[in-house]
């Protein structure tokens, strides 16, 4: 019997990768890093949807409305 490699598709770029290289969220390493850098920049610059979601979470944790 021949070993078959499972292939998973990245949900951002649509390319096929070995299943062990795709994250639990369905991203390849390149797209995962790109999203991480984007989120970091949004929080650093205090603008964007990631920052707004983070800000609302912090306010909710503090009990603010």
PDB file of N, CA and C in Angstrom:
ATOM      1  N   UNK A   1       0.842  -1.178   0.000  1.00  0.00           N
ATOM      2  CA  UNK A   1       0.000   0.000   0.000  1.00  0.00           C
ATOM      3  C   UNK A   1       0.892   1.248   0.000  1.00  0.00           C
ATOM      4  N   UNK A   2       0.554   2.196  -0.800  1.00  0.00           N
ATOM      5  CA  UNK A   2       1.335   3.418  -0.949  1.00  0.00           C
ATOM      6  C   UNK A   2       0.850   4.443   0.075  1.00  0.00           C
ATOM      7  N   UNK A   3       1.828   5.126   0.707  1.00  0.00           N
ATOM      8  CA  UNK A   3       1.459   6.187   1.638  1.00  0.00           C
ATOM      9  C   UNK A   3       0.895   7.366   0.870  1.00  0.00           C
ATOM     10  N   UNK A   4      -0.269   7.806   1.288  1.00  0.00           N
ATOM     11  CA  UNK A   4      -0.876   8.967   0.651  1.00  0.00           C
ATOM     12  C   UNK A   4      -0.826  10.130   1.626  1.00  0.00           C
ATOM     13  N   UNK A   5      -0.481  11.287   1.095  1.00  0.00           N
ATOM     14  CA  UNK A   5      -0.395  12.487   1.920  1.00  0.00           C
ATOM     15  C   UNK A   5      -1.740  13.199   1.857  1.00  0.00           C
ATOM     16  N   UNK A   6      -2.288  13.514   3.025  1.00  0.00           N
ATOM     17  CA  UNK A   6      -3.528  14.280   3.061  1.00  0.00           C
ATOM     18  C   UNK A   6      -3.235  15.706   2.647  1.00  0.00           C
ATOM     19  N   UNK A   7      -4.083  16.245   1.817  1.00  0.00           N
ATOM     20  CA  UNK A   7      -3.914  17.616   1.343  1.00  0.00           C
ATOM     21  C   UNK A   7      -5.059  18.462   1.892  1.00  0.00           C
ATOM     22  N   UNK A   8      -4.703  19.605   2.461  1.00  0.00           N
ATOM     23  CA  UNK A   8      -5.692  20.562   2.945  1.00  0.00           C
ATOM     24  C   UNK A   8      -5.525  21.849   2.145  1.00  0.00           C
ATOM     25  N   UNK A   9      -6.609  22.558   1.966  1.00  0.00           N
ATOM     26  CA  UNK A   9      -6.610  23.778   1.175  1.00  0.00           C
ATOM     27  C   UNK A   9      -6.700  24.986   2.108  1.00  0.00           C
ATOM     28  N   UNK A  10      -5.841  25.956   1.893  1.00  0.00           N
ATOM     29  CA  UNK A  10      -5.866  27.193   2.668  1.00  0.00           C
ATOM     30  C   UNK A  10      -7.130  27.972   2.308  1.00  0.00           C
ATOM     31  N   UNK A  11      -7.835  28.469   3.320  1.00  0.00           N
ATOM     32  CA  UNK A  11      -9.082  29.173   3.038  1.00  0.00           C
ATOM     33  C   UNK A  11      -8.863  30.604   2.555  1.00  0.00           C
ATOM     34  N   UNK A  12      -7.647  31.128   2.642  1.00  0.00           N
ATOM     35  CA  UNK A  12      -7.359  32.463   2.108  1.00  0.00           C
ATOM     36  C   UNK A  12      -6.874  32.395   0.659  1.00  0.00           C
ATOM     37  N   UNK A  13      -5.800  31.665   0.432  1.00  0.00           N
ATOM     38  CA  UNK A  13      -5.194  31.653  -0.905  1.00  0.00           C
ATOM     39  C   UNK A  13      -5.694  30.512  -1.783  1.00  0.00           C
ATOM     40  N   UNK A  14      -6.292  29.488  -1.176  1.00  0.00           N
ATOM     41  CA  UNK A  14      -6.852  28.387  -1.948  1.00  0.00           C
ATOM     42  C   UNK A  14      -5.848  27.363  -2.441  1.00  0.00           C
ATOM     43  N   UNK A  15      -4.595  27.467  -2.028  1.00  0.00           N
ATOM     44  CA  UNK A  15      -3.589  26.506  -2.454  1.00  0.00           C
ATOM     45  C   UNK A  15      -3.639  25.275  -1.565  1.00  0.00           C
ATOM     46  N   UNK A  16      -3.263  24.134  -2.134  1.00  0.00           N
ATOM     47  CA  UNK A  16      -3.221  22.891  -1.383  1.00  0.00           C
ATOM     48  C   UNK A  16      -1.882  22.729  -0.683  1.00  0.00           C
ATOM     49  N   UNK A  17      -1.923  22.258   0.559  1.00  0.00           N
ATOM     50  CA  UNK A  17      -0.728  22.022   1.364  1.00  0.00           C
ATOM     51  C   UNK A  17      -0.887  20.698   2.085  1.00  0.00           C
ATOM     52  N   UNK A  18       0.219  20.074   2.507  1.00  0.00           N
ATOM     53  CA  UNK A  18       0.077  18.899   3.370  1.00  0.00           C
ATOM     54  C   UNK A  18      -0.731  19.282   4.610  1.00  0.00           C
ATOM     55  N   UNK A  19      -1.586  18.379   5.061  1.00  0.00           N
ATOM     56  CA  UNK A  19      -2.515  18.693   6.153  1.00  0.00           C
ATOM     57  C   UNK A  19      -1.798  19.172   7.407  1.00  0.00           C
ATOM     58  N   UNK A  20      -0.608  18.671   7.680  1.00  0.00           N
ATOM     59  CA  UNK A  20       0.090  19.084   8.904  1.00  0.00           C
ATOM     60  C   UNK A  20       0.611  20.511   8.817  1.00  0.00           C
ATOM     61  N   UNK A  21       0.658  21.099   7.617  1.00  0.00           N
ATOM     62  CA  UNK A  21       1.136  22.470   7.457  1.00  0.00           C
ATOM     63  C   UNK A  21       0.020  23.511   7.542  1.00  0.00           C
ATOM     64  N   UNK A  22      -1.228  23.076   7.562  1.00  0.00           N
ATOM     65  CA  UNK A  22      -2.355  24.002   7.616  1.00  0.00           C
ATOM     66  C   UNK A  22      -2.824  24.099   9.062  1.00  0.00           C
ATOM     67  N   UNK A  23      -3.085  25.333   9.521  1.00  0.00           N
ATOM     68  CA  UNK A  23      -3.472  25.560  10.911  1.00  0.00           C
ATOM     69  C   UNK A  23      -4.889  25.067  11.187  1.00  0.00           C
ATOM     70  N   UNK A  24      -5.268  25.094  12.449  1.00  0.00           N
ATOM     71  CA  UNK A  24      -6.626  24.695  12.825  1.00  0.00           C
ATOM     72  C   UNK A  24      -7.672  25.614  12.230  1.00  0.00           C
ATOM     73  N   UNK A  25      -7.297  26.841  11.963  1.00  0.00           N
ATOM     74  CA  UNK A  25      -8.229  27.794  11.352  1.00  0.00           C
ATOM     75  C   UNK A  25      -8.249  27.678   9.834  1.00  0.00           C
ATOM     76  N   UNK A  26      -7.467  26.765   9.287  1.00  0.00           N
ATOM     77  CA  UNK A  26      -7.485  26.515   7.856  1.00  0.00           C
ATOM     78  C   UNK A  26      -6.570  27.401   7.047  1.00  0.00           C
ATOM     79  N   UNK A  27      -5.504  27.932   7.673  1.00  0.00           N
ATOM     80  CA  UNK A  27      -4.596  28.832   6.972  1.00  0.00           C
ATOM     81  C   UNK A  27      -3.232  28.176   6.757  1.00  0.00           C
ATOM     82  N   UNK A  28      -2.640  28.462   5.598  1.00  0.00           N
ATOM     83  CA  UNK A  28      -1.274  28.010   5.343  1.00  0.00           C
ATOM     84  C   UNK A  28      -0.324  28.905   6.152  1.00  0.00           C
ATOM     85  N   UNK A  29       0.935  28.511   6.295  1.00  0.00           N
ATOM     86  CA  UNK A  29       1.870  29.330   7.078  1.00  0.00           C
ATOM     87  C   UNK A  29       1.991  30.774   6.566  1.00  0.00           C
ATOM     88  N   UNK A  30       2.014  30.971   5.271  1.00  0.00           N
ATOM     89  CA  UNK A  30       2.168  32.323   4.712  1.00  0.00           C
ATOM     90  C   UNK A  30       0.953  33.193   5.045  1.00  0.00           C
ATOM     91  N   UNK A  31      -0.247  32.674   4.846  1.00  0.00           N
ATOM     92  CA  UNK A  31      -1.462  33.451   5.131  1.00  0.00           C
ATOM     93  C   UNK A  31      -1.633  33.669   6.628  1.00  0.00           C
ATOM     94  N   UNK A  32      -1.242  32.691   7.440  1.00  0.00           N
ATOM     95  CA  UNK A  32      -1.323  32.843   8.885  1.00  0.00           C
ATOM     96  C   UNK A  32      -0.427  33.967   9.378  1.00  0.00           C
ATOM     97  N   UNK A  33       0.794  34.024   8.861  1.00  0.00           N
ATOM     98  CA  UNK A  33       1.704  35.109   9.234  1.00  0.00           C
ATOM     99  C   UNK A  33       1.186  36.462   8.753  1.00  0.00           C
ATOM    100  N   UNK A  34       0.635  36.493   7.545  1.00  0.00           N
ATOM    101  CA  UNK A  34       0.111  37.748   7.023  1.00  0.00           C
ATOM    102  C   UNK A  34      -1.022  38.266   7.901  1.00  0.00           C
ATOM    103  N   UNK A  35      -1.904  37.380   8.345  1.00  0.00           N
ATOM    104  CA  UNK A  35      -2.991  37.801   9.234  1.00  0.00           C
ATOM    105  C   UNK A  35      -2.463  38.258  10.582  1.00  0.00           C
ATOM    106  N   UNK A  36      -1.442  37.569  11.086  1.00  0.00           N
ATOM    107  CA  UNK A  36      -0.869  37.956  12.374  1.00  0.00           C
ATOM    108  C   UNK A  36      -0.246  39.348  12.293  1.00  0.00           C
ATOM    109  N   UNK A  37       0.511  39.613  11.241  1.00  0.00           N
ATOM    110  CA  UNK A  37       1.127  40.932  11.073  1.00  0.00           C
ATOM    111  C   UNK A  37       0.068  42.006  10.895  1.00  0.00           C
ATOM    112  N   UNK A  38      -0.992  41.703  10.158  1.00  0.00           N
ATOM    113  CA  UNK A  38      -2.069  42.664   9.956  1.00  0.00           C
ATOM    114  C   UNK A  38      -2.745  43.004  11.282  1.00  0.00           C
ATOM    115  N   UNK A  39      -3.041  41.994  12.081  1.00  0.00           N
ATOM    116  CA  UNK A  39      -3.681  42.228  13.383  1.00  0.00           C
ATOM    117  C   UNK A  39      -2.768  43.035  14.298  1.00  0.00           C
ATOM    118  N   UNK A  40      -1.487  42.717  14.303  1.00  0.00           N
ATOM    119  CA  UNK A  40      -0.535  43.443  15.140  1.00  0.00           C
ATOM    120  C   UNK A  40      -0.471  44.910  14.730  1.00  0.00           C
ATOM    121  N   UNK A  41      -0.435  45.174  13.433  1.00  0.00           N
ATOM    122  CA  UNK A  41      -0.379  46.555  12.957  1.00  0.00           C
ATOM    123  C   UNK A  41      -1.659  47.317  13.276  1.00  0.00           C
ATOM    124  N   UNK A  42      -2.811  46.655  13.178  1.00  0.00           N
ATOM    125  CA  UNK A  42      -4.066  47.330  13.494  1.00  0.00           C
ATOM    126  C   UNK A  42      -4.113  47.717  14.969  1.00  0.00           C
ATOM    127  N   UNK A  43      -3.667  46.841  15.836  1.00  0.00           N
ATOM    128  CA  UNK A  43      -3.674  47.160  17.265  1.00  0.00           C
ATOM    129  C   UNK A  43      -2.644  48.244  17.563  1.00  0.00           C
ATOM    130  N   UNK A  44      -1.498  48.181  16.933  1.00  0.00           N
ATOM    131  CA  UNK A  44      -0.464  49.197  17.146  1.00  0.00           C
ATOM    132  C   UNK A  44      -0.926  50.566  16.668  1.00  0.00           C
ATOM    133  N   UNK A  45      -1.622  50.613  15.517  1.00  0.00           N
ATOM    134  CA  UNK A  45      -2.075  51.882  14.941  1.00  0.00           C
ATOM    135  C   UNK A  45      -3.426  52.340  15.488  1.00  0.00           C
ATOM    136  N   UNK A  46      -4.053  51.524  16.297  1.00  0.00           N
ATOM    137  CA  UNK A  46      -5.347  51.832  16.922  1.00  0.00           C
ATOM    138  C   UNK A  46      -6.426  52.163  15.901  1.00  0.00           C
ATOM    139  N   UNK A  47      -6.491  51.351  14.855  1.00  0.00           N
ATOM    140  CA  UNK A  47      -7.568  51.462  13.878  1.00  0.00           C
ATOM    141  C   UNK A  47      -7.743  50.115  13.189  1.00  0.00           C
ATOM    142  N   UNK A  48      -8.945  49.870  12.705  1.00  0.00           N
ATOM    143  CA  UNK A  48      -9.219  48.638  11.995  1.00  0.00           C
ATOM    144  C   UNK A  48     -10.140  47.718  12.776  1.00  0.00           C
ATOM    145  N   UNK A  49     -10.701  46.708  12.109  1.00  0.00           N
ATOM    146  CA  UNK A  49     -11.667  45.824  12.752  1.00  0.00           C
ATOM    147  C   UNK A  49     -11.078  44.984  13.890  1.00  0.00           C
ATOM    148  N   UNK A  50      -9.837  44.571  13.781  1.00  0.00           N
ATOM    149  CA  UNK A  50      -9.220  43.782  14.857  1.00  0.00           C
ATOM    150  C   UNK A  50      -9.071  44.647  16.101  1.00  0.00           C
ATOM    151  N   UNK A  51      -8.644  45.892  15.918  1.00  0.00           N
ATOM    152  CA  UNK A  51      -8.503  46.798  17.061  1.00  0.00           C
ATOM    153  C   UNK A  51      -9.856  47.076  17.705  1.00  0.00           C
ATOM    154  N   UNK A  52     -10.889  47.309  16.903  1.00  0.00           N
ATOM    155  CA  UNK A  52     -12.217  47.600  17.454  1.00  0.00           C
ATOM    156  C   UNK A  52     -12.740  46.411  18.262  1.00  0.00           C
ATOM    157  N   UNK A  53     -12.557  45.203  17.760  1.00  0.00           N
ATOM    158  CA  UNK A  53     -12.995  44.007  18.482  1.00  0.00           C
ATOM    159  C   UNK A  53     -12.217  43.874  19.790  1.00  0.00           C
ATOM    160  N   UNK A  54     -10.924  44.137  19.752  1.00  0.00           N
ATOM    161  CA  UNK A  54     -10.093  44.066  20.958  1.00  0.00           C
ATOM    162  C   UNK A  54     -10.534  45.132  21.969  1.00  0.00           C
ATOM    163  N   UNK A  55     -10.762  46.360  21.494  1.00  0.00           N
ATOM    164  CA  UNK A  55     -11.153  47.462  22.370  1.00  0.00           C
ATOM    165  C   UNK A  55     -12.487  47.177  23.056  1.00  0.00           C
ATOM    166  N   UNK A  56     -13.447  46.648  22.317  1.00  0.00           N
ATOM    167  CA  UNK A  56     -14.741  46.315  22.908  1.00  0.00           C
ATOM    168  C   UNK A  56     -14.605  45.198  23.942  1.00  0.00           C
ATOM    169  N   UNK A  57     -13.720  44.253  23.689  1.00  0.00           N
ATOM    170  CA  UNK A  57     -13.478  43.182  24.656  1.00  0.00           C
ATOM    171  C   UNK A  57     -12.865  43.701  25.942  1.00  0.00           C
ATOM    172  N   UNK A  58     -11.937  44.640  25.832  1.00  0.00           N
ATOM    173  CA  UNK A  58     -11.314  45.232  27.019  1.00  0.00           C
ATOM    174  C   UNK A  58     -12.347  46.033  27.796  1.00  0.00           C
ATOM    175  N   UNK A  59     -13.185  46.781  27.091  1.00  0.00           N
ATOM    176  CA  UNK A  59     -14.223  47.556  27.776  1.00  0.00           C
ATOM    177  C   UNK A  59     -15.208  46.639  28.489  1.00  0.00           C
ATOM    178  N   UNK A  60     -15.580  45.538  27.857  1.00  0.00           N
ATOM    179  CA  UNK A  60     -16.516  44.600  28.472  1.00  0.00           C
ATOM    180  C   UNK A  60     -15.895  43.958  29.703  1.00  0.00           C
ATOM    181  N   UNK A  61     -14.607  43.689  29.645  1.00  0.00           N
ATOM    182  CA  UNK A  61     -13.935  43.077  30.794  1.00  0.00           C
ATOM    183  C   UNK A  61     -13.859  44.042  31.971  1.00  0.00           C
ATOM    184  N   UNK A  62     -13.794  45.339  31.678  1.00  0.00           N
ATOM    185  CA  UNK A  62     -13.743  46.346  32.728  1.00  0.00           C
ATOM    186  C   UNK A  62     -15.137  46.710  33.229  1.00  0.00           C
ATOM    187  N   UNK A  63     -16.182  46.264  32.538  1.00  0.00           N
ATOM    188  CA  UNK A  63     -17.540  46.552  32.951  1.00  0.00           C
ATOM    189  C   UNK A  63     -18.095  47.827  32.353  1.00  0.00           C
ATOM    190  N   UNK A  64     -17.419  48.402  31.376  1.00  0.00           N
ATOM    191  CA  UNK A  64     -17.889  49.630  30.735  1.00  0.00           C
ATOM    192  C   UNK A  64     -18.943  49.297  29.687  1.00  0.00           C
ATOM    193  N   UNK A  65     -19.718  50.279  29.304  1.00  0.00           N
ATOM    194  CA  UNK A  65     -20.735  50.069  28.268  1.00  0.00           C
ATOM    195  C   UNK A  65     -20.291  50.656  26.954  1.00  0.00           C
TER     196      UNK A  65
END
